[in-house]
All heavy atoms as atom14 arrays in JSON, in Angstrom:
{
  "sequence": "WNFLNFRPGLVGGHCIGVDPYYLTHKAEEVGYRP",
  "atom14_mask": [
    [1, 1, 1, 1, 1, 1, 1, 1, 1, 1, 1, 1, 1, 1],
    [1, 1, 1, 1, 1, 1, 1, 1, 0, 0, 0, 0, 0, 0],
    [1, 1, 1, 1, 1, 1, 1, 1, 1, 1, 1, 0, 0, 0],
    [1, 1, 1, 1, 1, 1, 1, 1, 0, 0, 0, 0, 0, 0],
    [1, 1, 1, 1, 1, 1, 1, 1, 0, 0, 0, 0, 0, 0],
    [1, 1, 1, 1, 1, 1, 1, 1, 1, 1, 1, 0, 0, 0],
    [1, 1, 1, 1, 1, 1, 1, 1, 1, 1, 1, 0, 0, 0],
    [1, 1, 1, 1, 1, 1, 1, 0, 0, 0, 0, 0, 0, 0],
    [1, 1, 1, 1, 0, 0, 0, 0, 0, 0, 0, 0, 0, 0],
    [1, 1, 1, 1, 1, 1, 1, 1, 0, 0, 0, 0, 0, 0],
    [1, 1, 1, 1, 1, 1, 1, 0, 0, 0, 0, 0, 0, 0],
    [1, 1, 1, 1, 0, 0, 0, 0, 0, 0, 0, 0, 0, 0],
    [1, 1, 1, 1, 0, 0, 0, 0, 0, 0, 0, 0, 0, 0],
    [1, 1, 1, 1, 1, 1, 1, 1, 1, 1, 0, 0, 0, 0],
    [1, 1, 1, 1, 1, 1, 0, 0, 0, 0, 0, 0, 0, 0],
    [1, 1, 1, 1, 1, 1, 1, 1, 0, 0, 0, 0, 0, 0],
    [1, 1, 1, 1, 0, 0, 0, 0, 0, 0, 0, 0, 0, 0],
    [1, 1, 1, 1, 1, 1, 1, 0, 0, 0, 0, 0, 0, 0],
    [1, 1, 1, 1, 1, 1, 1, 1, 0, 0, 0, 0, 0, 0],
    [1, 1, 1, 1, 1, 1, 1, 0, 0, 0, 0, 0, 0, 0],
    [1, 1, 1, 1, 1, 1, 1, 1, 1, 1, 1, 1, 0, 0],
    [1, 1, 1, 1, 1, 1, 1, 1, 1, 1, 1, 1, 0, 0],
    [1, 1, 1, 1, 1, 1, 1, 1, 0, 0, 0, 0, 0, 0],
    [1, 1, 1, 1, 1, 1, 1, 0, 0, 0, 0, 0, 0, 0],
    [1, 1, 1, 1, 1, 1, 1, 1, 1, 1, 0, 0, 0, 0],
    [1, 1, 1, 1, 1, 1, 1, 1, 1, 0, 0, 0, 0, 0],
    [1, 1, 1, 1, 1, 0, 0, 0, 0, 0, 0, 0, 0, 0],
    [1, 1, 1, 1, 1, 1, 1, 1, 1, 0, 0, 0, 0, 0],
    [1, 1, 1, 1, 1, 1, 1, 1, 1, 0, 0, 0, 0, 0],
    [1, 1, 1, 1, 1, 1, 1, 0, 0, 0, 0, 0, 0, 0],
    [1, 1, 1, 1, 0, 0, 0, 0, 0, 0, 0, 0, 0, 0],
    [1, 1, 1, 1, 1, 1, 1, 1, 1, 1, 1, 1, 0, 0],
    [1, 1, 1, 1, 1, 1, 1, 1, 1, 1, 1, 0, 0, 0],
    [1, 1, 1, 1, 1, 1, 1, 0, 0, 0, 0, 0, 0, 0]
  ],
  "atom14_positions": [
    [[-19.02, -3.13, -8.44], [-19.6, -4.01, -7.43], [-18.9, -3.94, -6.07], [-19.52, -4.12, -5.03], [-19.6, -5.46, -7.94], [-18.24, -6.12, -7.9], [-17.71, -6.85, -6.89], [-17.24, -6.06, -8.92], [-16.44, -7.27, -7.2], [-16.13, -6.81, -8.45], [-17.16, -5.49, -10.19], [-14.96, -6.97, -9.2], [-16.02, -5.65, -10.94], [-14.93, -6.37, -10.43]],
    [[-17.59, -3.63, -6.04], [-16.87, -3.66, -4.78], [-16.5, -2.27, -4.25], [-15.67, -2.14, -3.36], [-15.61, -4.52, -4.9], [-14.64, -4.01, -5.96], [-14.96, -3.11, -6.73], [-13.46, -4.61, -5.99], [0.0, 0.0, 0.0], [0.0, 0.0, 0.0], [0.0, 0.0, 0.0], [0.0, 0.0, 0.0], [0.0, 0.0, 0.0], [0.0, 0.0, 0.0]],
    [[-17.15, -1.24, -4.79], [-16.9, 0.11, -4.3], [-17.6, 0.3, -2.96], [-18.77, -0.08, -2.8], [-17.4, 1.16, -5.3], [-17.1, 2.58, -4.89], [-15.84, 3.11, -5.07], [-18.09, 3.39, -4.32], [-15.56, 4.41, -4.7], [-17.81, 4.69, -3.93], [-16.54, 5.21, -4.12], [0.0, 0.0, 0.0], [0.0, 0.0, 0.0], [0.0, 0.0, 0.0]],
    [[-16.91, 0.86, -1.97], [-17.47, 1.1, -0.64], [-18.21, 2.43, -0.64], [-17.6, 3.48, -0.8], [-16.38, 1.1, 0.43], [-15.55, -0.19, 0.52], [-14.45, -0.04, 1.56], [-16.44, -1.37, 0.85], [0.0, 0.0, 0.0], [0.0, 0.0, 0.0], [0.0, 0.0, 0.0], [0.0, 0.0, 0.0], [0.0, 0.0, 0.0], [0.0, 0.0, 0.0]],
    [[-19.52, 2.38, -0.43], [-20.38, 3.53, -0.68], [-20.52, 4.43, 0.56], [-21.6, 4.54, 1.14], [-21.75, 3.05, -1.14], [-22.46, 4.1, -1.97], [-21.89, 5.11, -2.35], [-23.73, 3.84, -2.27], [0.0, 0.0, 0.0], [0.0, 0.0, 0.0], [0.0, 0.0, 0.0], [0.0, 0.0, 0.0], [0.0, 0.0, 0.0], [0.0, 0.0, 0.0]],
    [[-19.44, 5.08, 0.97], [-19.49, 6.03, 2.06], [-19.8, 7.43, 1.52], [-19.6, 7.71, 0.33], [-18.16, 6.05, 2.83], [-17.94, 4.81, 3.66], [-17.31, 3.71, 3.12], [-18.38, 4.77, 4.97], [-17.12, 2.56, 3.89], [-18.19, 3.63, 5.74], [-17.56, 2.53, 5.2], [0.0, 0.0, 0.0], [0.0, 0.0, 0.0], [0.0, 0.0, 0.0]],
    [[-20.28, 8.29, 2.4], [-20.66, 9.65, 2.04], [-19.91, 10.66, 2.92], [-19.59, 10.37, 4.06], [-22.17, 9.85, 2.2], [-23.01, 9.13, 1.13], [-22.84, 9.8, -0.2], [-23.69, 9.29, -1.26], [-23.34, 8.34, -2.09], [-22.15, 7.75, -1.96], [-24.16, 7.95, -3.05], [0.0, 0.0, 0.0], [0.0, 0.0, 0.0], [0.0, 0.0, 0.0]],
    [[-19.65, 11.87, 2.4], [-19.0, 12.89, 3.23], [-19.94, 13.41, 4.3], [-21.16, 13.31, 4.16], [-18.65, 13.98, 2.22], [-19.68, 13.85, 1.14], [-19.98, 12.38, 1.04], [0.0, 0.0, 0.0], [0.0, 0.0, 0.0], [0.0, 0.0, 0.0], [0.0, 0.0, 0.0], [0.0, 0.0, 0.0], [0.0, 0.0, 0.0], [0.0, 0.0, 0.0]],
    [[-19.39, 13.97, 5.37], [-20.25, 14.54, 6.4], [-19.53, 14.78, 7.71], [-18.32, 14.56, 7.84], [0.0, 0.0, 0.0], [0.0, 0.0, 0.0], [0.0, 0.0, 0.0], [0.0, 0.0, 0.0], [0.0, 0.0, 0.0], [0.0, 0.0, 0.0], [0.0, 0.0, 0.0], [0.0, 0.0, 0.0], [0.0, 0.0, 0.0], [0.0, 0.0, 0.0]],
    [[-20.29, 15.27, 8.67], [-19.79, 15.47, 10.02], [-19.78, 14.12, 10.74], [-20.76, 13.38, 10.66], [-20.67, 16.47, 10.78], [-20.88, 17.84, 10.12], [-21.89, 18.65, 10.93], [-19.56, 18.59, 10.02], [0.0, 0.0, 0.0], [0.0, 0.0, 0.0], [0.0, 0.0, 0.0], [0.0, 0.0, 0.0], [0.0, 0.0, 0.0], [0.0, 0.0, 0.0]],
    [[-18.72, 13.83, 11.43], [-18.6, 12.54, 12.12], [-18.68, 12.76, 13.62], [-17.72, 13.15, 14.27], [-17.29, 11.83, 11.75], [-17.22, 10.47, 12.44], [-17.17, 11.67, 10.24], [0.0, 0.0, 0.0], [0.0, 0.0, 0.0], [0.0, 0.0, 0.0], [0.0, 0.0, 0.0], [0.0, 0.0, 0.0], [0.0, 0.0, 0.0], [0.0, 0.0, 0.0]],
    [[-19.87, 12.55, 14.17], [-20.07, 12.7, 15.61], [-20.67, 11.45, 16.2], [-20.47, 10.34, 15.71], [0.0, 0.0, 0.0], [0.0, 0.0, 0.0], [0.0, 0.0, 0.0], [0.0, 0.0, 0.0], [0.0, 0.0, 0.0], [0.0, 0.0, 0.0], [0.0, 0.0, 0.0], [0.0, 0.0, 0.0], [0.0, 0.0, 0.0], [0.0, 0.0, 0.0]],
    [[-21.43, 11.62, 17.27], [-22.06, 10.49, 17.92], [-21.18, 9.85, 18.96], [-20.04, 10.23, 19.19], [0.0, 0.0, 0.0], [0.0, 0.0, 0.0], [0.0, 0.0, 0.0], [0.0, 0.0, 0.0], [0.0, 0.0, 0.0], [0.0, 0.0, 0.0], [0.0, 0.0, 0.0], [0.0, 0.0, 0.0], [0.0, 0.0, 0.0], [0.0, 0.0, 0.0]],
    [[-21.73, 8.81, 19.57], [-21.07, 8.17, 20.71], [-20.03, 7.14, 20.3], [-19.31, 6.63, 21.15], [-22.12, 7.5, 21.58], [-22.82, 6.35, 20.92], [-23.55, 6.5, 19.77], [-22.87, 5.03, 21.22], [-24.03, 5.32, 19.41], [-23.63, 4.43, 20.25], [0.0, 0.0, 0.0], [0.0, 0.0, 0.0], [0.0, 0.0, 0.0], [0.0, 0.0, 0.0]],
    [[-19.94, 6.8, 19.01], [-19.06, 5.71, 18.6], [-17.97, 6.12, 17.6], [-16.79, 6.09, 17.92], [-19.87, 4.56, 18.0], [-20.77, 3.6, 19.23], [0.0, 0.0, 0.0], [0.0, 0.0, 0.0], [0.0, 0.0, 0.0], [0.0, 0.0, 0.0], [0.0, 0.0, 0.0], [0.0, 0.0, 0.0], [0.0, 0.0, 0.0], [0.0, 0.0, 0.0]],
    [[-18.38, 6.47, 16.36], [-17.41, 6.65, 15.28], [-16.38, 7.72, 15.59], [-15.2, 7.57, 15.32], [-18.11, 6.94, 13.94], [-19.06, 5.81, 13.58], [-17.08, 7.13, 12.82], [-19.82, 6.02, 12.28], [0.0, 0.0, 0.0], [0.0, 0.0, 0.0], [0.0, 0.0, 0.0], [0.0, 0.0, 0.0], [0.0, 0.0, 0.0], [0.0, 0.0, 0.0]],
    [[-16.83, 8.83, 16.19], [-15.91, 9.92, 16.49], [-15.13, 9.75, 17.79], [-14.3, 10.59, 18.13], [0.0, 0.0, 0.0], [0.0, 0.0, 0.0], [0.0, 0.0, 0.0], [0.0, 0.0, 0.0], [0.0, 0.0, 0.0], [0.0, 0.0, 0.0], [0.0, 0.0, 0.0], [0.0, 0.0, 0.0], [0.0, 0.0, 0.0], [0.0, 0.0, 0.0]],
    [[-15.41, 8.65, 18.51], [-14.81, 8.43, 19.83], [-13.95, 7.17, 19.87], [-12.81, 7.19, 20.35], [-15.91, 8.35, 20.91], [-15.32, 7.98, 22.27], [-16.67, 9.68, 21.0], [0.0, 0.0, 0.0], [0.0, 0.0, 0.0], [0.0, 0.0, 0.0], [0.0, 0.0, 0.0], [0.0, 0.0, 0.0], [0.0, 0.0, 0.0], [0.0, 0.0, 0.0]],
    [[-14.5, 6.05, 19.39], [-13.84, 4.75, 19.53], [-12.4, 4.73, 19.03], [-11.54, 4.1, 19.67], [-14.65, 3.68, 18.81], [-15.99, 3.41, 19.48], [-16.3, 4.1, 20.48], [-16.75, 2.54, 19.0], [0.0, 0.0, 0.0], [0.0, 0.0, 0.0], [0.0, 0.0, 0.0], [0.0, 0.0, 0.0], [0.0, 0.0, 0.0], [0.0, 0.0, 0.0]],
    [[-12.08, 5.36, 17.88], [-10.68, 5.3, 17.42], [-9.67, 5.82, 18.44], [-8.54, 5.33, 18.49], [-10.69, 6.18, 16.16], [-12.1, 6.11, 15.67], [-12.94, 6.06, 16.9], [0.0, 0.0, 0.0], [0.0, 0.0, 0.0], [0.0, 0.0, 0.0], [0.0, 0.0, 0.0], [0.0, 0.0, 0.0], [0.0, 0.0, 0.0], [0.0, 0.0, 0.0]],
    [[-10.07, 6.79, 19.27], [-9.14, 7.34, 20.26], [-8.81, 6.33, 21.35], [-7.75, 6.41, 21.97], [-9.7, 8.62, 20.87], [-9.67, 9.81, 19.94], [-10.84, 10.51, 19.62], [-8.48, 10.23, 19.37], [-10.8, 11.6, 18.77], [-8.44, 11.33, 18.51], [-9.6, 12.0, 18.22], [-9.56, 13.08, 17.37], [0.0, 0.0, 0.0], [0.0, 0.0, 0.0]],
    [[-9.72, 5.38, 21.61], [-9.42, 4.33, 22.58], [-8.33, 3.41, 22.03], [-7.44, 2.97, 22.77], [-10.69, 3.54, 22.92], [-11.5, 4.22, 24.01], [-12.27, 5.34, 23.73], [-11.48, 3.76, 25.32], [-12.98, 5.99, 24.72], [-12.2, 4.4, 26.32], [-12.94, 5.51, 26.01], [-13.65, 6.14, 27.0], [0.0, 0.0, 0.0], [0.0, 0.0, 0.0]],
    [[-8.39, 3.12, 20.74], [-7.37, 2.28, 20.12], [-6.03, 3.0, 20.01], [-4.98, 2.43, 20.33], [-7.85, 1.82, 18.74], [-6.92, 0.87, 17.98], [-6.65, -0.39, 18.79], [-7.53, 0.5, 16.62], [0.0, 0.0, 0.0], [0.0, 0.0, 0.0], [0.0, 0.0, 0.0], [0.0, 0.0, 0.0], [0.0, 0.0, 0.0], [0.0, 0.0, 0.0]],
    [[-6.06, 4.27, 19.6], [-4.8, 5.01, 19.46], [-4.14, 5.24, 20.82], [-2.92, 5.25, 20.93], [-5.02, 6.37, 18.75], [-5.96, 7.18, 19.49], [-5.54, 6.14, 17.34], [0.0, 0.0, 0.0], [0.0, 0.0, 0.0], [0.0, 0.0, 0.0], [0.0, 0.0, 0.0], [0.0, 0.0, 0.0], [0.0, 0.0, 0.0], [0.0, 0.0, 0.0]],
    [[-4.95, 5.43, 21.86], [-4.41, 5.57, 23.22], [-3.6, 4.34, 23.6], [-2.47, 4.45, 24.1], [-5.56, 5.78, 24.21], [-5.19, 5.56, 25.64], [-4.5, 6.49, 26.39], [-5.4, 4.48, 26.48], [-4.31, 6.02, 27.61], [-4.85, 4.81, 27.68], [0.0, 0.0, 0.0], [0.0, 0.0, 0.0], [0.0, 0.0, 0.0], [0.0, 0.0, 0.0]],
    [[-4.16, 3.17, 23.38], [-3.48, 1.93, 23.74], [-2.27, 1.7, 22.85], [-1.22, 1.23, 23.32], [-4.44, 0.74, 23.65], [-3.89, -0.55, 24.23], [-3.6, -0.41, 25.71], [-3.04, -1.7, 26.3], [-2.72, -1.55, 27.75], [0.0, 0.0, 0.0], [0.0, 0.0, 0.0], [0.0, 0.0, 0.0], [0.0, 0.0, 0.0], [0.0, 0.0, 0.0]],
    [[-2.41, 2.02, 21.56], [-1.29, 1.86, 20.63], [-0.09, 2.7, 21.07], [1.06, 2.23, 21.09], [-1.71, 2.25, 19.22], [0.0, 0.0, 0.0], [0.0, 0.0, 0.0], [0.0, 0.0, 0.0], [0.0, 0.0, 0.0], [0.0, 0.0, 0.0], [0.0, 0.0, 0.0], [0.0, 0.0, 0.0], [0.0, 0.0, 0.0], [0.0, 0.0, 0.0]],
    [[-0.35, 3.96, 21.44], [0.73, 4.85, 21.88], [1.31, 4.39, 23.21], [2.51, 4.54, 23.46], [0.21, 6.28, 21.99], [-0.07, 6.91, 20.62], [-0.69, 8.28, 20.7], [-1.38, 8.55, 21.72], [-0.52, 9.08, 19.75], [0.0, 0.0, 0.0], [0.0, 0.0, 0.0], [0.0, 0.0, 0.0], [0.0, 0.0, 0.0], [0.0, 0.0, 0.0]],
    [[0.48, 3.79, 24.04], [0.94, 3.27, 25.33], [1.96, 2.15, 25.15], [2.88, 2.0, 25.97], [-0.26, 2.76, 26.14], [0.0, 2.54, 27.61], [-1.25, 2.14, 28.36], [-1.66, 0.97, 28.26], [-1.82, 2.99, 29.06], [0.0, 0.0, 0.0], [0.0, 0.0, 0.0], [0.0, 0.0, 0.0], [0.0, 0.0, 0.0], [0.0, 0.0, 0.0]],
    [[1.81, 1.36, 24.09], [2.76, 0.27, 23.83], [3.84, 0.67, 22.83], [4.58, -0.18, 22.33], [2.02, -1.01, 23.36], [1.09, -1.52, 24.46], [1.24, -0.77, 22.06], [0.0, 0.0, 0.0], [0.0, 0.0, 0.0], [0.0, 0.0, 0.0], [0.0, 0.0, 0.0], [0.0, 0.0, 0.0], [0.0, 0.0, 0.0], [0.0, 0.0, 0.0]],
    [[3.92, 1.96, 22.51], [5.03, 2.47, 21.72], [4.82, 2.56, 20.23], [5.79, 2.68, 19.47], [0.0, 0.0, 0.0], [0.0, 0.0, 0.0], [0.0, 0.0, 0.0], [0.0, 0.0, 0.0], [0.0, 0.0, 0.0], [0.0, 0.0, 0.0], [0.0, 0.0, 0.0], [0.0, 0.0, 0.0], [0.0, 0.0, 0.0], [0.0, 0.0, 0.0]],
    [[3.56, 2.52, 19.76], [3.3, 2.64, 18.33], [2.47, 3.89, 18.05], [1.44, 4.12, 18.69], [2.55, 1.41, 17.81], [2.31, 1.49, 16.31], [3.31, 1.15, 15.41], [1.09, 1.93, 15.8], [3.11, 1.25, 14.04], [0.88, 2.04, 14.44], [1.89, 1.7, 13.57], [1.69, 1.81, 12.21], [0.0, 0.0, 0.0], [0.0, 0.0, 0.0]],
    [[2.9, 4.67, 17.1], [2.2, 5.88, 16.69], [1.31, 5.56, 15.49], [1.79, 5.36, 14.37], [3.21, 6.97, 16.31], [2.59, 8.24, 15.74], [1.95, 9.11, 16.77], [1.47, 10.38, 16.18], [0.74, 11.26, 16.85], [0.43, 11.05, 18.13], [0.34, 12.38, 16.26], [0.0, 0.0, 0.0], [0.0, 0.0, 0.0], [0.0, 0.0, 0.0]],
    [[-0.03, 5.52, 15.68], [-0.93, 5.13, 14.59], [-1.22, 6.31, 13.65], [-2.15, 7.07, 13.88], [-2.19, 4.69, 15.33], [-2.15, 5.47, 16.62], [-0.72, 5.73, 16.95], [0.0, 0.0, 0.0], [0.0, 0.0, 0.0], [0.0, 0.0, 0.0], [0.0, 0.0, 0.0], [0.0, 0.0, 0.0], [0.0, 0.0, 0.0], [0.0, 0.0, 0.0]]
  ]
}
């Protein structure tokens, strides 16, 4: 019942393949390596 049903594949588009880099950029700016 609690298994997360994701599938393998290419990760593109305007959000999923991009948004994490905005967070990691800020994290590294404040001294944390994500």
